[in-house]
Amino acid sequence: MQLKLSALGGSGRRWWFLNGAPLGDSANQGSINASFERLGRYQLSVLDEAGQTARLEFSVVD
């Protein structure tokens, strides 16, 4: 499964993390693509230049 990730609000560049590991970064209001090859639980978080964070937990199921 592939998802296009973006965040509303915040400011500047964003750094993305999947289960605590760096996933990539995006420009202000930009997006990145993420692939999920395995079933299971995931935690997605994003950090912006101002130090604001957001977190989402979800599961990929069959």
N, C-alpha and C. Protein backbone atom coordinates (compact mmCIF):
# COMPACT_ATOMS: atom_id res chain seq x y z
N MET A 1 0.84 -1.16 0.00
CA MET A 1 0.00 0.00 0.00
C MET A 1 0.90 1.23 0.00
N GLN A 2 0.51 2.22 -0.78
CA GLN A 2 1.27 3.46 -0.83
C GLN A 2 0.35 4.62 -0.48
N LEU A 3 0.84 5.53 0.37
CA LEU A 3 0.08 6.71 0.79
C LEU A 3 0.86 7.97 0.50
N LYS A 4 0.14 9.02 0.17
CA LYS A 4 0.72 10.35 0.02
C LYS A 4 0.46 11.08 1.33
N LEU A 5 1.53 11.50 2.02
CA LEU A 5 1.42 12.11 3.34
C LEU A 5 1.64 13.61 3.27
N SER A 6 0.78 14.35 3.94
CA SER A 6 0.94 15.80 4.07
C SER A 6 0.35 16.23 5.40
N ALA A 7 0.70 17.42 5.85
CA ALA A 7 0.21 17.94 7.12
C ALA A 7 -0.34 19.35 6.91
N LEU A 8 -1.46 19.62 7.53
CA LEU A 8 -2.05 20.96 7.51
C LEU A 8 -1.52 21.75 8.69
N GLY A 9 -1.35 23.05 8.51
CA GLY A 9 -0.86 23.88 9.59
C GLY A 9 0.64 23.74 9.75
N GLY A 10 1.13 24.26 10.84
CA GLY A 10 2.57 24.22 11.06
C GLY A 10 3.29 25.23 10.18
N SER A 11 4.60 25.19 10.26
CA SER A 11 5.37 26.14 9.46
C SER A 11 6.69 25.52 9.00
N GLY A 12 7.06 25.90 7.79
CA GLY A 12 8.35 25.48 7.25
C GLY A 12 8.45 24.02 6.89
N ARG A 13 9.68 23.58 6.80
CA ARG A 13 9.99 22.20 6.43
C ARG A 13 9.44 21.23 7.47
N ARG A 14 9.11 20.01 7.03
CA ARG A 14 8.60 18.99 7.91
C ARG A 14 9.46 17.73 7.79
N TRP A 15 9.70 17.09 8.93
CA TRP A 15 10.44 15.84 8.99
C TRP A 15 9.48 14.75 9.44
N TRP A 16 9.45 13.66 8.69
CA TRP A 16 8.50 12.57 8.93
C TRP A 16 9.21 11.36 9.51
N PHE A 17 8.53 10.67 10.43
CA PHE A 17 9.08 9.50 11.10
C PHE A 17 8.03 8.39 11.12
N LEU A 18 8.47 7.18 10.85
CA LEU A 18 7.59 6.01 10.90
C LEU A 18 8.15 5.06 11.95
N ASN A 19 7.37 4.80 12.98
CA ASN A 19 7.81 3.97 14.10
C ASN A 19 9.14 4.47 14.68
N GLY A 20 9.30 5.79 14.72
CA GLY A 20 10.48 6.41 15.30
C GLY A 20 11.67 6.55 14.37
N ALA A 21 11.62 5.93 13.19
CA ALA A 21 12.73 6.00 12.23
C ALA A 21 12.44 7.08 11.18
N PRO A 22 13.46 7.84 10.77
CA PRO A 22 13.24 8.87 9.75
C PRO A 22 12.66 8.27 8.47
N LEU A 23 11.63 8.94 7.95
CA LEU A 23 10.97 8.50 6.73
C LEU A 23 11.31 9.42 5.56
N GLY A 24 11.53 10.70 5.85
CA GLY A 24 11.85 11.68 4.82
C GLY A 24 11.46 13.06 5.29
N ASP A 25 11.58 14.02 4.39
CA ASP A 25 11.19 15.38 4.73
C ASP A 25 10.47 16.00 3.54
N SER A 26 9.72 17.06 3.83
CA SER A 26 8.97 17.74 2.78
C SER A 26 9.06 19.24 3.00
N ALA A 27 8.93 19.98 1.91
CA ALA A 27 8.93 21.43 1.97
C ALA A 27 7.62 21.91 2.58
N ASN A 28 7.55 23.18 2.90
CA ASN A 28 6.36 23.79 3.48
C ASN A 28 5.12 23.41 2.66
N GLN A 29 4.14 22.81 3.31
CA GLN A 29 2.88 22.36 2.70
C GLN A 29 3.07 21.31 1.60
N GLY A 30 4.25 20.74 1.49
CA GLY A 30 4.51 19.68 0.52
C GLY A 30 4.08 18.33 1.05
N SER A 31 4.34 17.29 0.28
CA SER A 31 3.96 15.94 0.69
C SER A 31 5.08 14.95 0.36
N ILE A 32 5.01 13.78 0.97
CA ILE A 32 5.92 12.69 0.64
C ILE A 32 5.09 11.42 0.44
N ASN A 33 5.65 10.46 -0.24
CA ASN A 33 4.99 9.17 -0.43
C ASN A 33 5.61 8.15 0.51
N ALA A 34 4.76 7.29 1.07
CA ALA A 34 5.24 6.24 1.96
C ALA A 34 4.62 4.91 1.53
N SER A 35 5.42 3.86 1.56
CA SER A 35 4.94 2.53 1.21
C SER A 35 4.88 1.67 2.47
N PHE A 36 3.82 0.87 2.57
CA PHE A 36 3.63 -0.03 3.70
C PHE A 36 3.53 -1.43 3.13
N GLU A 37 4.61 -2.20 3.28
CA GLU A 37 4.71 -3.52 2.69
C GLU A 37 4.13 -4.62 3.59
N ARG A 38 4.05 -4.35 4.89
CA ARG A 38 3.65 -5.38 5.85
C ARG A 38 2.38 -4.99 6.59
N LEU A 39 1.64 -5.99 6.99
CA LEU A 39 0.49 -5.77 7.85
C LEU A 39 0.98 -5.44 9.25
N GLY A 40 0.20 -4.69 10.00
CA GLY A 40 0.58 -4.42 11.38
C GLY A 40 0.27 -3.00 11.80
N ARG A 41 0.70 -2.69 13.01
CA ARG A 41 0.48 -1.37 13.60
C ARG A 41 1.65 -0.45 13.26
N TYR A 42 1.32 0.82 13.02
CA TYR A 42 2.32 1.82 12.70
C TYR A 42 2.07 3.08 13.51
N GLN A 43 3.15 3.83 13.73
CA GLN A 43 3.05 5.15 14.34
C GLN A 43 3.74 6.13 13.40
N LEU A 44 3.01 7.11 12.94
CA LEU A 44 3.53 8.13 12.04
C LEU A 44 3.59 9.44 12.81
N SER A 45 4.72 10.12 12.75
CA SER A 45 4.83 11.43 13.39
C SER A 45 5.53 12.40 12.46
N VAL A 46 5.25 13.67 12.68
CA VAL A 46 5.82 14.73 11.87
C VAL A 46 6.25 15.88 12.79
N LEU A 47 7.38 16.48 12.45
CA LEU A 47 7.96 17.59 13.20
C LEU A 47 8.19 18.74 12.22
N ASP A 48 7.77 19.96 12.59
CA ASP A 48 8.01 21.10 11.70
C ASP A 48 9.15 21.96 12.24
N GLU A 49 9.53 22.98 11.46
CA GLU A 49 10.66 23.84 11.83
C GLU A 49 10.44 24.59 13.14
N ALA A 50 9.19 24.82 13.51
CA ALA A 50 8.88 25.52 14.75
C ALA A 50 8.90 24.58 15.96
N GLY A 51 9.13 23.29 15.74
CA GLY A 51 9.17 22.33 16.82
C GLY A 51 7.82 21.71 17.16
N GLN A 52 6.79 22.03 16.38
CA GLN A 52 5.48 21.44 16.60
C GLN A 52 5.47 20.00 16.08
N THR A 53 4.77 19.13 16.78
CA THR A 53 4.70 17.74 16.37
C THR A 53 3.25 17.27 16.29
N ALA A 54 3.04 16.24 15.50
CA ALA A 54 1.74 15.56 15.43
C ALA A 54 2.03 14.08 15.29
N ARG A 55 1.12 13.25 15.80
CA ARG A 55 1.34 11.81 15.77
C ARG A 55 0.03 11.11 15.45
N LEU A 56 0.14 10.02 14.70
CA LEU A 56 -1.00 9.22 14.31
C LEU A 56 -0.62 7.76 14.43
N GLU A 57 -1.48 6.98 15.05
CA GLU A 57 -1.29 5.52 15.11
C GLU A 57 -2.37 4.87 14.28
N PHE A 58 -1.96 3.86 13.48
CA PHE A 58 -2.92 3.17 12.60
C PHE A 58 -2.45 1.75 12.35
N SER A 59 -3.33 0.96 11.79
CA SER A 59 -3.02 -0.42 11.46
C SER A 59 -3.27 -0.67 9.98
N VAL A 60 -2.42 -1.48 9.36
CA VAL A 60 -2.62 -1.97 8.00
C VAL A 60 -3.09 -3.41 8.14
N VAL A 61 -4.29 -3.68 7.62
CA VAL A 61 -4.89 -5.00 7.76
C VAL A 61 -5.20 -5.57 6.38
N ASP A 62 -5.40 -6.87 6.34
CA ASP A 62 -5.71 -7.56 5.09
C ASP A 62 -7.19 -7.45 4.79
